Amino acid sequence: MIVGFIALFASMATQDKQGIQENERQKFMNYFKGLPREQLPAGLNVPSIGSSHPVVTFEVFSDFQCPHCKRGADRMKEVFAKWGDKMQMFYHSYPLDSSCNKTLTHQIHENACHAAVAAQCAFRQGKFWEYHDLLFANQDSLKDDDLLRYAQQAGLKTDDFQACTHNPEALSLVEDDISLADRLKIESTPTYFINGRRIVGSLPLEFYGDILALESGEPGAPPAASTHP
């Protein structure tokens, strides 16, 4: 079922400009409402953006070198531009790079670990989302010199940034995200938990409005299930 809906999402994403058919949106919402709500740890010190009192919370596990993640990040910009006052997103690194992700059996993205560590260092200076955007905009150029250049462009203190990238604590934070992803049995990026419901890949823009209506309990939307058993 999940594989079938991933294929459906991919086909629907190409239809955005024509608009999504109503029956396709209803099919997805029926699927979404049937997903279990998984419990993620609360109070983690990870980058976040959006409302401090959200109706919809996203927890994304992403890789800066992943093309699907870039498309997902671009889509989330659209989502937050439209509904950001009712949503919040937390970012978790899940680099598909065996140099730090020991769950992998082979190498996929050889620069993803360094990029994830660099993003943690930008987070320390309060510039995570600026740096996040630069990494995705330039994901084909993520060597060490590139990462330093993006730090300069983001307005980071470069001496502190460079010291941080060599500090084991920054890598440890990335490894914490990887361990969490492993416990959640995440296998691909991007993976989103939308109020606890797992979705692999990004969705057509209209679907996020439908999810917001559902979780808001707006008239005509089916009532949202409790997050607790």
Protein backbone atom coordinates (compact mmCIF):
# COMPACT_ATOMS: atom_id res chain seq x y z
CA MET A 1 0.00 0.00 0.00
CA ILE A 2 2.75 2.49 0.93
CA VAL A 3 4.68 1.76 -2.30
CA GLY A 4 1.49 2.26 -4.30
CA PHE A 5 0.82 5.63 -2.75
CA ILE A 6 4.45 6.74 -3.26
CA ALA A 7 3.95 6.07 -6.98
CA LEU A 8 0.62 7.92 -6.83
CA PHE A 9 2.27 10.95 -5.16
CA ALA A 10 4.93 11.04 -7.87
CA SER A 11 2.33 11.00 -10.64
CA MET A 12 0.18 13.63 -8.94
CA ALA A 13 3.14 15.94 -8.33
CA THR A 14 3.42 16.40 -12.10
CA GLN A 15 -0.21 17.53 -12.23
CA ASP A 16 0.13 20.49 -9.87
CA LYS A 17 -0.24 23.13 -12.57
CA GLN A 18 -3.48 21.57 -13.84
CA GLY A 19 -4.76 21.01 -10.33
CA ILE A 20 -5.39 17.75 -8.56
CA GLN A 21 -8.60 15.88 -9.25
CA GLU A 22 -11.00 15.85 -6.31
CA ASN A 23 -11.20 12.04 -6.22
CA GLU A 24 -7.40 11.78 -5.99
CA ARG A 25 -7.39 14.16 -3.04
CA GLN A 26 -10.11 12.15 -1.35
CA LYS A 27 -8.21 8.90 -1.95
CA PHE A 28 -5.16 10.38 -0.30
CA MET A 29 -7.09 11.75 2.66
CA ASN A 30 -8.71 8.36 3.25
CA TYR A 31 -5.22 6.85 3.18
CA PHE A 32 -3.79 9.56 5.46
CA LYS A 33 -6.57 9.18 8.06
CA GLY A 34 -5.86 5.45 8.19
CA LEU A 35 -2.19 5.89 9.06
CA PRO A 36 -1.16 5.29 12.68
CA ARG A 37 0.20 8.22 14.67
CA GLU A 38 3.74 7.38 15.71
CA GLN A 39 5.30 8.89 18.81
CA LEU A 40 8.55 10.81 18.33
CA PRO A 41 10.64 12.03 21.26
CA ALA A 42 9.69 15.48 22.51
CA GLY A 43 12.02 18.28 23.57
CA LEU A 44 14.90 17.47 21.22
CA ASN A 45 17.24 20.37 20.45
CA VAL A 46 16.84 20.36 16.68
CA PRO A 47 16.21 23.19 14.19
CA SER A 48 12.59 24.28 13.89
CA ILE A 49 10.61 26.89 12.00
CA GLY A 50 7.04 28.14 12.06
CA SER A 51 4.39 28.68 14.71
CA SER A 52 5.03 27.97 18.38
CA HIS A 53 1.37 26.86 18.65
CA PRO A 54 0.92 24.79 15.49
CA VAL A 55 -2.10 22.89 14.29
CA VAL A 56 0.16 20.74 12.10
CA THR A 57 3.68 19.68 13.04
CA PHE A 58 6.17 18.21 10.59
CA GLU A 59 9.23 16.19 11.60
CA VAL A 60 11.37 15.71 8.51
CA PHE A 61 14.33 13.37 8.08
CA SER A 62 16.35 14.67 5.17
CA ASP A 63 19.69 14.58 3.32
CA PHE A 64 21.21 17.72 1.81
CA GLN A 65 22.58 15.79 -1.18
CA CYS A 66 19.29 14.06 -2.00
CA PRO A 67 17.43 15.45 -5.06
CA HIS A 68 14.04 14.31 -3.68
CA CYS A 69 14.85 16.17 -0.45
CA LYS A 70 15.53 19.36 -2.40
CA ARG A 71 12.16 19.07 -4.08
CA GLY A 72 10.61 18.43 -0.68
CA ALA A 73 12.33 21.49 0.79
CA ASP A 74 11.09 23.64 -2.10
CA ARG A 75 7.56 22.34 -1.55
CA MET A 76 7.71 23.06 2.19
CA LYS A 77 8.65 26.67 1.39
CA GLU A 78 5.39 26.92 -0.54
CA VAL A 79 3.49 25.28 2.30
CA PHE A 80 4.91 27.60 4.95
CA ALA A 81 4.42 30.68 2.79
CA LYS A 82 0.71 29.79 2.65
CA TRP A 83 0.01 28.26 6.08
CA GLY A 84 3.11 28.94 8.18
CA ASP A 85 1.15 30.65 10.94
CA LYS A 86 -0.51 27.28 11.70
CA MET A 87 2.42 24.94 11.14
CA GLN A 88 5.80 24.06 12.60
CA MET A 89 8.61 21.95 11.16
CA PHE A 90 11.51 20.20 12.90
CA TYR A 91 14.54 19.14 10.87
CA HIS A 92 16.47 15.89 11.44
CA SER A 93 19.55 14.90 9.44
CA TYR A 94 19.55 11.48 7.84
CA PRO A 95 22.55 11.59 5.48
CA LEU A 96 22.74 8.64 3.10
CA ASP A 97 26.50 8.64 3.56
CA SER A 98 28.22 5.62 5.08
CA SER A 99 31.02 7.75 6.56
CA CYS A 100 28.70 8.65 9.44
CA ASN A 101 25.57 6.59 8.79
CA LYS A 102 26.61 3.10 9.80
CA THR A 103 23.15 1.69 9.00
CA LEU A 104 24.03 1.80 5.29
CA THR A 105 25.54 -1.16 3.49
CA HIS A 106 26.98 1.00 0.68
CA GLN A 107 27.86 4.61 -0.06
CA ILE A 108 25.20 6.80 -1.71
CA HIS A 109 25.95 10.50 -1.04
CA GLU A 110 29.61 10.95 -0.19
CA ASN A 111 29.34 14.58 0.99
CA ALA A 112 26.10 14.34 2.94
CA CYS A 113 27.65 13.76 6.38
CA HIS A 114 29.93 16.79 6.10
CA ALA A 115 26.98 18.90 4.96
CA ALA A 116 24.87 17.71 7.90
CA VAL A 117 27.65 18.55 10.37
CA ALA A 118 28.12 21.97 8.77
CA ALA A 119 24.38 22.61 9.11
CA GLN A 120 24.61 21.78 12.82
CA CYS A 121 27.34 24.40 13.11
CA ALA A 122 25.12 26.94 11.36
CA PHE A 123 22.38 26.01 13.85
CA ARG A 124 24.75 26.88 16.70
CA GLN A 125 25.03 30.38 15.29
CA GLY A 126 21.27 30.76 14.76
CA LYS A 127 21.53 30.54 10.96
CA PHE A 128 20.34 27.01 10.26
CA TRP A 129 17.56 27.80 7.80
CA GLU A 130 19.66 30.28 5.80
CA TYR A 131 22.38 27.64 5.54
CA HIS A 132 19.83 24.88 4.84
CA ASP A 133 18.60 26.85 1.81
CA LEU A 134 22.14 27.41 0.50
CA LEU A 135 22.99 23.71 0.80
CA PHE A 136 19.91 22.63 -1.14
CA ALA A 137 20.42 25.34 -3.74
CA ASN A 138 23.97 24.07 -4.33
CA GLN A 139 23.66 20.38 -3.55
CA ASP A 140 25.99 19.37 -6.38
CA SER A 141 28.82 21.37 -4.71
CA LEU A 142 29.22 20.23 -1.10
CA LYS A 143 32.97 19.87 -0.67
CA ASP A 144 34.63 21.41 2.40
CA ASP A 145 35.59 24.61 0.56
CA ASP A 146 32.02 24.94 -0.67
CA LEU A 147 30.62 24.51 2.83
CA LEU A 148 32.89 27.28 4.11
CA ARG A 149 31.84 29.58 1.27
CA TYR A 150 28.16 29.05 2.09
CA ALA A 151 28.93 29.84 5.73
CA GLN A 152 30.36 33.17 4.61
CA GLN A 153 27.31 33.82 2.42
CA ALA A 154 24.98 33.04 5.34
CA GLY A 155 26.81 35.55 7.52
CA LEU A 156 28.34 33.04 9.93
CA LYS A 157 31.48 33.68 11.97
CA THR A 158 33.75 31.54 9.85
CA ASP A 159 36.42 30.89 12.49
CA ASP A 160 33.78 29.55 14.88
CA PHE A 161 32.17 27.63 12.04
CA GLN A 162 35.41 25.90 11.06
CA ALA A 163 36.21 25.03 14.67
CA CYS A 164 32.73 23.60 15.07
CA THR A 165 32.99 21.37 11.99
CA HIS A 166 36.02 19.70 13.59
CA ASN A 167 34.32 19.36 16.96
CA PRO A 168 33.08 15.80 17.64
CA GLU A 169 30.01 17.25 19.35
CA ALA A 170 28.58 18.45 16.02
CA LEU A 171 29.02 15.01 14.48
CA SER A 172 27.47 13.46 17.59
CA LEU A 173 24.28 15.46 17.04
CA VAL A 174 24.04 14.15 13.48
CA GLU A 175 24.60 10.63 14.77
CA ASP A 176 21.78 11.15 17.29
CA ASP A 177 19.41 11.93 14.41
CA ILE A 178 20.63 8.84 12.55
CA SER A 179 20.04 6.68 15.62
CA LEU A 180 16.51 8.07 15.95
CA ALA A 181 15.85 7.38 12.27
CA ASP A 182 17.11 3.84 12.73
CA ARG A 183 14.74 3.30 15.68
CA LEU A 184 11.90 4.60 13.52
CA LYS A 185 12.98 2.26 10.69
CA ILE A 186 13.36 5.07 8.18
CA GLU A 187 14.63 3.75 4.87
CA SER A 188 14.48 6.70 2.48
CA THR A 189 14.58 10.49 2.34
CA PRO A 190 12.73 12.67 2.73
CA THR A 191 10.47 11.05 5.31
CA TYR A 192 7.95 13.27 7.08
CA PHE A 193 5.91 12.69 10.20
CA ILE A 194 2.86 14.94 9.88
CA ASN A 195 1.29 15.09 13.33
CA GLY A 196 2.85 11.68 13.79
CA ARG A 197 1.64 10.16 10.52
CA ARG A 198 4.46 8.91 8.30
CA ILE A 199 4.65 10.11 4.69
CA VAL A 200 7.56 9.30 2.39
CA GLY A 201 8.26 12.07 -0.11
CA SER A 202 6.51 15.38 -0.68
CA LEU A 203 2.87 15.88 -1.63
CA PRO A 204 1.01 18.16 -4.04
CA LEU A 205 0.43 21.55 -2.44
CA GLU A 206 -3.35 21.17 -2.14
CA PHE A 207 -2.97 18.11 0.07
CA TYR A 208 -1.35 20.13 2.84
CA GLY A 209 -4.37 22.39 2.95
CA ASP A 210 -6.58 19.30 3.21
CA ILE A 211 -4.43 17.98 6.06
CA LEU A 212 -4.65 21.32 7.85
CA ALA A 213 -8.45 21.29 7.51
CA LEU A 214 -8.57 17.74 8.87
CA GLU A 215 -6.34 18.48 11.84
CA SER A 216 -8.18 21.74 12.54
CA GLY A 217 -11.49 19.90 12.67
CA GLU A 218 -12.94 22.43 10.23
CA PRO A 219 -16.53 21.96 9.02
CA GLY A 220 -16.65 19.29 6.34
CA ALA A 221 -13.36 17.73 7.47
CA PRO A 222 -13.41 14.39 9.27
CA PRO A 223 -12.41 14.75 12.96
CA ALA A 224 -8.74 14.16 13.72
CA ALA A 225 -7.88 11.09 15.76
CA SER A 226 -6.18 11.46 19.14
CA THR A 227 -2.39 11.11 19.24
CA HIS A 228 -2.74 8.97 22.36
CA PRO A 229 -4.17 5.45 22.57
